[in-house]
Amino acid sequence: MHSIPPRPSVQDEIGPRLPGAIYANVDGRFEVLALITNPTDAAQLLRRTAARWALIVRDTLRPDGDPFVVGSVWTTSDYLVRPARTAYAPAA
């Protein structure tokens, strides 16, 4: 009997793409501007009937790049260029 593999967790699908992170793949290099984890909001942004999360990103290789929404999962072809900022430095 064949079993269905467990569905990846939301965190596994998102990977290290938290706000402030920059990641790259064959499509470009992207800065994560926002992470939407509310499924209703994510589905509306992605124009899908179902979504668990969405990212708003900007292509850093295009000076005229406007922010856009993605819902693709983190794969082995993605790599982190800069991790997300977890703490803020005080203003000088």
N, C-alpha and C. Protein backbone atom coordinates (compact mmCIF):
# COMPACT_ATOMS: atom_id res chain seq x y z
N MET A 1 0.83 -1.17 0.00
CA MET A 1 0.00 0.00 0.00
C MET A 1 0.88 1.24 0.00
N HIS A 2 0.52 2.20 -0.82
CA HIS A 2 1.27 3.45 -0.90
C HIS A 2 0.68 4.46 0.07
N SER A 3 1.55 5.19 0.71
CA SER A 3 1.07 6.24 1.62
C SER A 3 1.37 7.60 1.01
N ILE A 4 0.56 8.54 1.35
CA ILE A 4 0.74 9.91 0.88
C ILE A 4 1.73 10.58 1.82
N PRO A 5 2.78 11.21 1.26
CA PRO A 5 3.75 11.87 2.14
C PRO A 5 3.08 13.05 2.86
N PRO A 6 3.54 13.37 4.06
CA PRO A 6 2.93 14.48 4.79
C PRO A 6 3.14 15.80 4.05
N ARG A 7 2.18 16.67 4.20
CA ARG A 7 2.26 17.99 3.59
C ARG A 7 3.31 18.82 4.31
N PRO A 8 4.17 19.52 3.56
CA PRO A 8 5.19 20.35 4.23
C PRO A 8 4.53 21.42 5.08
N SER A 9 5.20 21.79 6.14
CA SER A 9 4.67 22.86 6.99
C SER A 9 4.79 24.19 6.25
N VAL A 10 4.03 25.16 6.70
CA VAL A 10 4.11 26.50 6.12
C VAL A 10 5.54 27.02 6.22
N GLN A 11 6.17 26.82 7.38
CA GLN A 11 7.55 27.29 7.56
C GLN A 11 8.50 26.62 6.57
N ASP A 12 8.32 25.33 6.29
CA ASP A 12 9.15 24.64 5.31
C ASP A 12 8.94 25.22 3.92
N GLU A 13 7.70 25.55 3.59
CA GLU A 13 7.41 26.12 2.27
C GLU A 13 8.00 27.53 2.12
N ILE A 14 7.96 28.32 3.17
CA ILE A 14 8.48 29.69 3.13
C ILE A 14 10.00 29.69 3.16
N GLY A 15 10.56 28.78 3.93
CA GLY A 15 12.02 28.73 4.08
C GLY A 15 12.51 29.92 4.87
N PRO A 16 13.70 30.42 4.56
CA PRO A 16 14.27 31.55 5.31
C PRO A 16 13.81 32.92 4.79
N ARG A 17 12.75 32.93 3.99
CA ARG A 17 12.30 34.18 3.36
C ARG A 17 11.40 34.98 4.30
N LEU A 18 12.02 35.63 5.26
CA LEU A 18 11.32 36.51 6.18
C LEU A 18 11.57 37.95 5.75
N PRO A 19 10.74 38.91 6.19
CA PRO A 19 10.95 40.30 5.79
C PRO A 19 12.38 40.77 6.03
N GLY A 20 12.96 41.38 5.02
CA GLY A 20 14.34 41.86 5.08
C GLY A 20 15.33 40.92 4.42
N ALA A 21 14.96 39.67 4.22
CA ALA A 21 15.86 38.70 3.59
C ALA A 21 15.96 38.97 2.09
N ILE A 22 17.08 38.62 1.53
CA ILE A 22 17.26 38.64 0.08
C ILE A 22 17.62 37.23 -0.34
N TYR A 23 16.89 36.73 -1.34
CA TYR A 23 17.17 35.39 -1.85
C TYR A 23 17.26 35.46 -3.37
N ALA A 24 17.86 34.44 -3.95
CA ALA A 24 18.04 34.41 -5.40
C ALA A 24 17.69 33.03 -5.93
N ASN A 25 17.33 33.02 -7.21
CA ASN A 25 17.10 31.78 -7.95
C ASN A 25 17.26 32.12 -9.43
N VAL A 26 16.88 31.23 -10.31
CA VAL A 26 17.07 31.46 -11.74
C VAL A 26 16.25 32.63 -12.25
N ASP A 27 15.22 33.04 -11.51
CA ASP A 27 14.36 34.14 -11.96
C ASP A 27 14.87 35.51 -11.56
N GLY A 28 15.80 35.60 -10.61
CA GLY A 28 16.31 36.90 -10.18
C GLY A 28 16.77 36.86 -8.74
N ARG A 29 16.92 38.08 -8.19
CA ARG A 29 17.33 38.24 -6.79
C ARG A 29 16.27 39.12 -6.14
N PHE A 30 15.70 38.64 -5.05
CA PHE A 30 14.51 39.26 -4.51
C PHE A 30 14.66 39.62 -3.04
N GLU A 31 14.20 40.82 -2.69
CA GLU A 31 14.13 41.24 -1.30
C GLU A 31 12.71 41.00 -0.82
N VAL A 32 12.58 40.35 0.33
CA VAL A 32 11.26 40.09 0.90
C VAL A 32 10.81 41.34 1.65
N LEU A 33 9.71 41.92 1.20
CA LEU A 33 9.18 43.12 1.82
C LEU A 33 8.13 42.78 2.88
N ALA A 34 7.35 41.72 2.63
CA ALA A 34 6.30 41.35 3.58
C ALA A 34 6.00 39.86 3.46
N LEU A 35 5.60 39.29 4.57
CA LEU A 35 5.16 37.89 4.63
C LEU A 35 3.72 37.90 5.12
N ILE A 36 2.83 37.33 4.34
CA ILE A 36 1.42 37.26 4.69
C ILE A 36 1.10 35.81 5.05
N THR A 37 0.71 35.57 6.29
CA THR A 37 0.42 34.21 6.72
C THR A 37 -1.07 33.96 6.96
N ASN A 38 -1.89 34.97 6.79
CA ASN A 38 -3.33 34.78 6.89
C ASN A 38 -3.80 34.15 5.58
N PRO A 39 -4.33 32.92 5.60
CA PRO A 39 -4.70 32.23 4.36
C PRO A 39 -5.71 32.99 3.50
N THR A 40 -6.65 33.68 4.11
CA THR A 40 -7.64 34.44 3.34
C THR A 40 -6.98 35.58 2.59
N ASP A 41 -6.11 36.33 3.27
CA ASP A 41 -5.40 37.43 2.62
C ASP A 41 -4.45 36.91 1.55
N ALA A 42 -3.75 35.81 1.83
CA ALA A 42 -2.82 35.24 0.86
C ALA A 42 -3.55 34.80 -0.40
N ALA A 43 -4.68 34.13 -0.24
CA ALA A 43 -5.46 33.67 -1.40
C ALA A 43 -5.93 34.84 -2.23
N GLN A 44 -6.36 35.90 -1.57
CA GLN A 44 -6.83 37.09 -2.31
C GLN A 44 -5.68 37.75 -3.06
N LEU A 45 -4.52 37.89 -2.42
CA LEU A 45 -3.37 38.51 -3.08
C LEU A 45 -2.87 37.70 -4.26
N LEU A 46 -2.88 36.37 -4.11
CA LEU A 46 -2.40 35.49 -5.17
C LEU A 46 -3.47 35.16 -6.20
N ARG A 47 -4.69 35.61 -5.94
CA ARG A 47 -5.83 35.35 -6.83
C ARG A 47 -6.02 33.85 -7.04
N ARG A 48 -5.98 33.14 -5.92
CA ARG A 48 -6.20 31.69 -5.91
C ARG A 48 -7.34 31.40 -4.95
N THR A 49 -7.97 30.27 -5.13
CA THR A 49 -9.03 29.91 -4.20
C THR A 49 -8.48 29.45 -2.87
N ALA A 50 -7.25 28.97 -2.86
CA ALA A 50 -6.64 28.52 -1.61
C ALA A 50 -5.15 28.87 -1.61
N ALA A 51 -4.69 29.36 -0.49
CA ALA A 51 -3.27 29.64 -0.29
C ALA A 51 -3.05 29.67 1.21
N ARG A 52 -1.90 29.24 1.63
CA ARG A 52 -1.60 29.26 3.06
C ARG A 52 -0.77 30.48 3.45
N TRP A 53 -0.06 31.05 2.47
CA TRP A 53 0.80 32.20 2.74
C TRP A 53 1.15 32.86 1.40
N ALA A 54 1.74 34.06 1.48
CA ALA A 54 2.22 34.78 0.29
C ALA A 54 3.36 35.69 0.72
N LEU A 55 4.21 36.01 -0.24
CA LEU A 55 5.30 36.96 -0.01
C LEU A 55 5.14 38.14 -0.95
N ILE A 56 5.45 39.32 -0.47
CA ILE A 56 5.57 40.49 -1.34
C ILE A 56 7.07 40.73 -1.47
N VAL A 57 7.56 40.69 -2.71
CA VAL A 57 8.99 40.81 -2.97
C VAL A 57 9.25 41.89 -4.01
N ARG A 58 10.52 42.28 -4.09
CA ARG A 58 10.98 43.23 -5.11
C ARG A 58 12.25 42.67 -5.70
N ASP A 59 12.35 42.67 -7.04
CA ASP A 59 13.55 42.18 -7.72
C ASP A 59 14.64 43.23 -7.59
N THR A 60 15.71 42.90 -6.88
CA THR A 60 16.78 43.87 -6.63
C THR A 60 17.71 44.06 -7.83
N LEU A 61 17.57 43.22 -8.85
CA LEU A 61 18.40 43.37 -10.05
C LEU A 61 17.78 44.35 -11.05
N ARG A 62 16.55 44.75 -10.80
CA ARG A 62 15.86 45.68 -11.69
C ARG A 62 15.63 46.99 -10.96
N PRO A 63 16.29 48.06 -11.40
CA PRO A 63 16.11 49.34 -10.69
C PRO A 63 14.66 49.85 -10.76
N ASP A 64 13.92 49.43 -11.77
CA ASP A 64 12.53 49.86 -11.90
C ASP A 64 11.56 48.79 -11.41
N GLY A 65 12.08 47.81 -10.68
CA GLY A 65 11.25 46.68 -10.24
C GLY A 65 10.22 47.08 -9.19
N ASP A 66 8.97 46.86 -9.51
CA ASP A 66 7.88 47.12 -8.57
C ASP A 66 7.66 45.88 -7.70
N PRO A 67 7.21 46.08 -6.49
CA PRO A 67 6.88 44.93 -5.65
C PRO A 67 5.78 44.07 -6.28
N PHE A 68 5.86 42.76 -6.06
CA PHE A 68 4.84 41.86 -6.56
C PHE A 68 4.70 40.68 -5.60
N VAL A 69 3.64 39.93 -5.76
CA VAL A 69 3.31 38.83 -4.85
C VAL A 69 3.75 37.50 -5.45
N VAL A 70 4.33 36.64 -4.60
CA VAL A 70 4.69 35.29 -5.01
C VAL A 70 4.17 34.29 -3.98
N GLY A 71 3.95 33.07 -4.44
CA GLY A 71 3.51 32.00 -3.55
C GLY A 71 4.26 30.71 -3.82
N SER A 72 5.42 30.82 -4.45
CA SER A 72 6.20 29.62 -4.76
C SER A 72 6.96 29.15 -3.52
N VAL A 73 7.05 27.83 -3.36
CA VAL A 73 7.72 27.27 -2.19
C VAL A 73 9.23 27.35 -2.33
N TRP A 74 9.92 27.34 -1.20
CA TRP A 74 11.38 27.35 -1.15
C TRP A 74 11.88 26.00 -1.66
N THR A 75 12.82 26.03 -2.61
CA THR A 75 13.35 24.79 -3.18
C THR A 75 14.88 24.79 -3.10
N THR A 76 15.47 23.72 -3.56
CA THR A 76 16.93 23.61 -3.56
C THR A 76 17.57 24.53 -4.59
N SER A 77 16.79 25.09 -5.51
CA SER A 77 17.35 26.04 -6.48
C SER A 77 17.35 27.47 -5.94
N ASP A 78 16.72 27.70 -4.79
CA ASP A 78 16.74 29.01 -4.13
C ASP A 78 17.92 29.05 -3.16
N TYR A 79 18.50 30.24 -3.01
CA TYR A 79 19.54 30.37 -1.99
C TYR A 79 19.48 31.76 -1.37
N LEU A 80 19.87 31.81 -0.12
CA LEU A 80 19.81 33.03 0.66
C LEU A 80 21.03 33.88 0.39
N VAL A 81 20.82 35.13 0.03
CA VAL A 81 21.91 36.08 -0.19
C VAL A 81 22.17 36.85 1.10
N ARG A 82 21.07 37.28 1.75
CA ARG A 82 21.17 37.99 3.03
C ARG A 82 20.02 37.53 3.92
N PRO A 83 20.32 37.10 5.13
CA PRO A 83 19.23 36.69 6.03
C PRO A 83 18.39 37.87 6.47
N ALA A 84 17.21 37.56 6.94
CA ALA A 84 16.31 38.58 7.46
C ALA A 84 16.92 39.23 8.69
N ARG A 85 16.58 40.47 8.89
CA ARG A 85 17.04 41.15 10.09
C ARG A 85 16.14 40.70 11.25
N THR A 86 16.76 40.21 12.28
CA THR A 86 15.97 39.74 13.43
C THR A 86 15.92 40.77 14.54
N ALA A 87 16.84 41.71 14.52
CA ALA A 87 16.87 42.77 15.53
C ALA A 87 17.21 44.08 14.85
N TYR A 88 16.71 45.13 15.39
CA TYR A 88 16.95 46.45 14.82
C TYR A 88 18.03 47.16 15.62
N ALA A 89 18.93 47.80 14.91
CA ALA A 89 19.98 48.58 15.57
C ALA A 89 19.39 49.94 15.99
N PRO A 90 19.83 50.48 17.11
CA PRO A 90 19.31 51.79 17.52
C PRO A 90 19.77 52.88 16.56
N ALA A 91 18.95 53.88 16.39
CA ALA A 91 19.29 55.01 15.50
C ALA A 91 20.43 55.80 16.11
N ALA A 92 21.30 56.30 15.26
CA ALA A 92 22.46 57.06 15.73
C ALA A 92 22.07 58.46 16.12
